[in-house]
Amino acid sequence: MASDELLDGLAEILEQDRAALTEETALADLNWDSLAFVSFIAMVDSRFGVTVPPRQLAKCRTVADLAALVETLVASAPQ
């Protein structure tokens, strides 16, 4: 399940209404471009303290995929 903090940051990056984003939302249906890609990496680093590997991020197709990736990275980060 995507956290509110992640969804808020994603909505800001994509210039979308937060309420319009669901876990099933396809990134292809949004303004998901190279700038959004890099901005997402920076946002996750800033808000969650983890680095998103670009190759793993490139495999994401939905908001749920992004959330799962970030959750995995946060869970495996050294405390």
N, C-alpha and C. Protein backbone atom coordinates (compact mmCIF):
# COMPACT_ATOMS: atom_id res chain seq x y z
N MET A 1 0.84 -1.18 0.00
CA MET A 1 0.00 0.00 0.00
C MET A 1 0.88 1.24 0.00
N ALA A 2 0.60 2.15 -0.88
CA ALA A 2 1.39 3.37 -1.00
C ALA A 2 1.14 4.29 0.18
N SER A 3 2.21 4.85 0.72
CA SER A 3 2.06 5.77 1.84
C SER A 3 1.55 7.12 1.34
N ASP A 4 0.91 7.85 2.23
CA ASP A 4 0.42 9.18 1.87
C ASP A 4 1.57 10.08 1.47
N GLU A 5 2.70 9.95 2.16
CA GLU A 5 3.86 10.78 1.85
C GLU A 5 4.37 10.51 0.43
N LEU A 6 4.40 9.25 0.05
CA LEU A 6 4.84 8.90 -1.30
C LEU A 6 3.85 9.43 -2.33
N LEU A 7 2.57 9.23 -2.10
CA LEU A 7 1.55 9.70 -3.04
C LEU A 7 1.52 11.22 -3.13
N ASP A 8 1.71 11.90 -2.02
CA ASP A 8 1.77 13.37 -2.05
C ASP A 8 2.94 13.85 -2.90
N GLY A 9 4.10 13.24 -2.71
CA GLY A 9 5.27 13.62 -3.49
C GLY A 9 5.11 13.31 -4.96
N LEU A 10 4.53 12.17 -5.26
CA LEU A 10 4.30 11.78 -6.65
C LEU A 10 3.31 12.72 -7.32
N ALA A 11 2.25 13.07 -6.63
CA ALA A 11 1.26 14.01 -7.18
C ALA A 11 1.90 15.36 -7.49
N GLU A 12 2.77 15.81 -6.60
CA GLU A 12 3.47 17.08 -6.82
C GLU A 12 4.37 17.00 -8.05
N ILE A 13 5.13 15.94 -8.15
CA ILE A 13 6.04 15.77 -9.29
C ILE A 13 5.27 15.72 -10.61
N LEU A 14 4.17 15.00 -10.61
CA LEU A 14 3.41 14.78 -11.84
C LEU A 14 2.37 15.87 -12.11
N GLU A 15 2.28 16.81 -11.17
CA GLU A 15 1.31 17.90 -11.28
C GLU A 15 -0.10 17.34 -11.48
N GLN A 16 -0.45 16.39 -10.60
CA GLN A 16 -1.74 15.73 -10.63
C GLN A 16 -2.47 15.98 -9.32
N ASP A 17 -3.77 15.89 -9.35
CA ASP A 17 -4.56 15.94 -8.13
C ASP A 17 -4.27 14.67 -7.34
N ARG A 18 -3.94 14.81 -6.09
CA ARG A 18 -3.60 13.66 -5.24
C ARG A 18 -4.73 12.63 -5.21
N ALA A 19 -5.97 13.10 -5.20
CA ALA A 19 -7.12 12.21 -5.13
C ALA A 19 -7.26 11.35 -6.39
N ALA A 20 -6.67 11.79 -7.49
CA ALA A 20 -6.78 11.05 -8.75
C ALA A 20 -5.80 9.89 -8.83
N LEU A 21 -4.82 9.85 -7.94
CA LEU A 21 -3.82 8.78 -7.96
C LEU A 21 -4.28 7.60 -7.13
N THR A 22 -4.33 6.44 -7.76
CA THR A 22 -4.61 5.20 -7.05
C THR A 22 -3.45 4.25 -7.34
N GLU A 23 -3.40 3.16 -6.63
CA GLU A 23 -2.33 2.20 -6.86
C GLU A 23 -2.41 1.59 -8.25
N GLU A 24 -3.60 1.56 -8.83
CA GLU A 24 -3.78 0.99 -10.16
C GLU A 24 -3.43 1.97 -11.28
N THR A 25 -3.21 3.23 -10.95
CA THR A 25 -2.93 4.24 -11.97
C THR A 25 -1.65 3.88 -12.72
N ALA A 26 -1.76 3.83 -14.03
CA ALA A 26 -0.60 3.53 -14.88
C ALA A 26 0.24 4.79 -15.06
N LEU A 27 1.54 4.63 -14.92
CA LEU A 27 2.44 5.78 -15.09
C LEU A 27 2.35 6.34 -16.51
N ALA A 28 2.09 5.48 -17.48
CA ALA A 28 1.97 5.92 -18.87
C ALA A 28 0.79 6.87 -19.06
N ASP A 29 -0.19 6.83 -18.16
CA ASP A 29 -1.34 7.72 -18.25
C ASP A 29 -1.09 9.07 -17.59
N LEU A 30 0.08 9.22 -16.98
CA LEU A 30 0.43 10.45 -16.28
C LEU A 30 1.54 11.17 -17.04
N ASN A 31 2.07 12.20 -16.45
CA ASN A 31 3.19 12.94 -17.05
C ASN A 31 4.51 12.29 -16.67
N TRP A 32 4.60 10.98 -16.78
CA TRP A 32 5.80 10.24 -16.39
C TRP A 32 6.81 10.30 -17.52
N ASP A 33 7.76 11.21 -17.39
CA ASP A 33 8.79 11.39 -18.40
C ASP A 33 10.15 11.38 -17.70
N SER A 34 11.19 11.72 -18.42
CA SER A 34 12.54 11.66 -17.83
C SER A 34 12.70 12.62 -16.66
N LEU A 35 12.07 13.78 -16.72
CA LEU A 35 12.15 14.73 -15.61
C LEU A 35 11.42 14.17 -14.38
N ALA A 36 10.27 13.58 -14.58
CA ALA A 36 9.53 12.96 -13.47
C ALA A 36 10.34 11.81 -12.87
N PHE A 37 10.98 11.03 -13.72
CA PHE A 37 11.81 9.90 -13.31
C PHE A 37 12.90 10.37 -12.35
N VAL A 38 13.64 11.40 -12.76
CA VAL A 38 14.73 11.93 -11.94
C VAL A 38 14.19 12.62 -10.69
N SER A 39 13.10 13.34 -10.84
CA SER A 39 12.48 14.01 -9.69
C SER A 39 11.99 13.00 -8.66
N PHE A 40 11.48 11.86 -9.12
CA PHE A 40 11.03 10.81 -8.20
C PHE A 40 12.21 10.27 -7.41
N ILE A 41 13.31 10.02 -8.06
CA ILE A 41 14.52 9.53 -7.37
C ILE A 41 14.94 10.52 -6.29
N ALA A 42 14.96 11.81 -6.63
CA ALA A 42 15.36 12.85 -5.67
C ALA A 42 14.36 12.95 -4.52
N MET A 43 13.07 12.87 -4.81
CA MET A 43 12.05 12.95 -3.77
C MET A 43 12.16 11.79 -2.80
N VAL A 44 12.35 10.59 -3.31
CA VAL A 44 12.46 9.41 -2.44
C VAL A 44 13.71 9.52 -1.57
N ASP A 45 14.80 9.97 -2.14
CA ASP A 45 16.03 10.17 -1.36
C ASP A 45 15.80 11.18 -0.24
N SER A 46 15.14 12.29 -0.57
CA SER A 46 14.91 13.35 0.41
C SER A 46 13.92 12.93 1.50
N ARG A 47 12.82 12.31 1.12
CA ARG A 47 11.77 11.99 2.08
C ARG A 47 11.98 10.67 2.83
N PHE A 48 12.63 9.72 2.18
CA PHE A 48 12.74 8.38 2.78
C PHE A 48 14.18 7.96 3.07
N GLY A 49 15.15 8.73 2.56
CA GLY A 49 16.55 8.45 2.85
C GLY A 49 17.11 7.22 2.16
N VAL A 50 16.52 6.84 1.04
CA VAL A 50 17.03 5.69 0.28
C VAL A 50 17.23 6.10 -1.17
N THR A 51 18.15 5.40 -1.82
CA THR A 51 18.46 5.66 -3.22
C THR A 51 17.73 4.65 -4.10
N VAL A 52 16.99 5.16 -5.07
CA VAL A 52 16.25 4.30 -5.99
C VAL A 52 17.15 3.98 -7.18
N PRO A 53 17.46 2.72 -7.39
CA PRO A 53 18.26 2.35 -8.56
C PRO A 53 17.45 2.60 -9.85
N PRO A 54 18.00 3.38 -10.77
CA PRO A 54 17.27 3.70 -12.00
C PRO A 54 16.79 2.48 -12.78
N ARG A 55 17.56 1.41 -12.80
CA ARG A 55 17.14 0.22 -13.54
C ARG A 55 15.89 -0.42 -12.93
N GLN A 56 15.81 -0.39 -11.61
CA GLN A 56 14.61 -0.94 -10.96
C GLN A 56 13.42 -0.01 -11.17
N LEU A 57 13.65 1.29 -11.12
CA LEU A 57 12.59 2.25 -11.34
C LEU A 57 12.02 2.14 -12.75
N ALA A 58 12.88 1.89 -13.71
CA ALA A 58 12.45 1.77 -15.11
C ALA A 58 11.48 0.60 -15.32
N LYS A 59 11.49 -0.37 -14.42
CA LYS A 59 10.59 -1.52 -14.54
C LYS A 59 9.19 -1.24 -14.01
N CYS A 60 9.03 -0.14 -13.28
CA CYS A 60 7.74 0.19 -12.68
C CYS A 60 6.76 0.67 -13.74
N ARG A 61 5.53 0.17 -13.66
CA ARG A 61 4.49 0.53 -14.63
C ARG A 61 3.29 1.21 -13.98
N THR A 62 3.11 1.01 -12.67
CA THR A 62 1.96 1.59 -11.97
C THR A 62 2.42 2.27 -10.69
N VAL A 63 1.51 3.01 -10.09
CA VAL A 63 1.80 3.63 -8.80
C VAL A 63 2.09 2.54 -7.76
N ALA A 64 1.39 1.42 -7.84
CA ALA A 64 1.64 0.31 -6.91
C ALA A 64 3.06 -0.22 -7.07
N ASP A 65 3.56 -0.27 -8.29
CA ASP A 65 4.94 -0.72 -8.52
C ASP A 65 5.92 0.23 -7.84
N LEU A 66 5.67 1.54 -7.97
CA LEU A 66 6.55 2.52 -7.32
C LEU A 66 6.52 2.33 -5.81
N ALA A 67 5.33 2.18 -5.26
CA ALA A 67 5.19 2.01 -3.81
C ALA A 67 5.90 0.76 -3.33
N ALA A 68 5.74 -0.33 -4.05
CA ALA A 68 6.39 -1.58 -3.66
C ALA A 68 7.90 -1.44 -3.70
N LEU A 69 8.41 -0.77 -4.72
CA LEU A 69 9.86 -0.57 -4.83
C LEU A 69 10.37 0.24 -3.64
N VAL A 70 9.71 1.34 -3.34
CA VAL A 70 10.16 2.19 -2.23
C VAL A 70 10.04 1.44 -0.90
N GLU A 71 8.95 0.71 -0.70
CA GLU A 71 8.80 -0.07 0.54
C GLU A 71 9.91 -1.09 0.70
N THR A 72 10.28 -1.75 -0.39
CA THR A 72 11.37 -2.73 -0.35
C THR A 72 12.69 -2.06 -0.01
N LEU A 73 12.95 -0.92 -0.63
CA LEU A 73 14.20 -0.21 -0.37
C LEU A 73 14.28 0.29 1.07
N VAL A 74 13.19 0.82 1.59
CA VAL A 74 13.17 1.32 2.97
C VAL A 74 13.35 0.14 3.95
N ALA A 75 12.69 -0.97 3.67
CA ALA A 75 12.78 -2.13 4.56
C ALA A 75 14.19 -2.72 4.59
N SER A 76 14.90 -2.62 3.47
CA SER A 76 16.24 -3.20 3.42
C SER A 76 17.35 -2.22 3.73
N ALA A 77 16.99 -0.97 4.01
CA ALA A 77 18.00 0.05 4.32
C ALA A 77 18.56 -0.19 5.72
N PRO A 78 19.86 0.03 5.87
CA PRO A 78 20.46 -0.11 7.21
C PRO A 78 19.86 0.91 8.18
N GLN A 79 19.64 0.48 9.38
CA GLN A 79 19.03 1.36 10.39
C GLN A 79 20.06 2.18 11.06
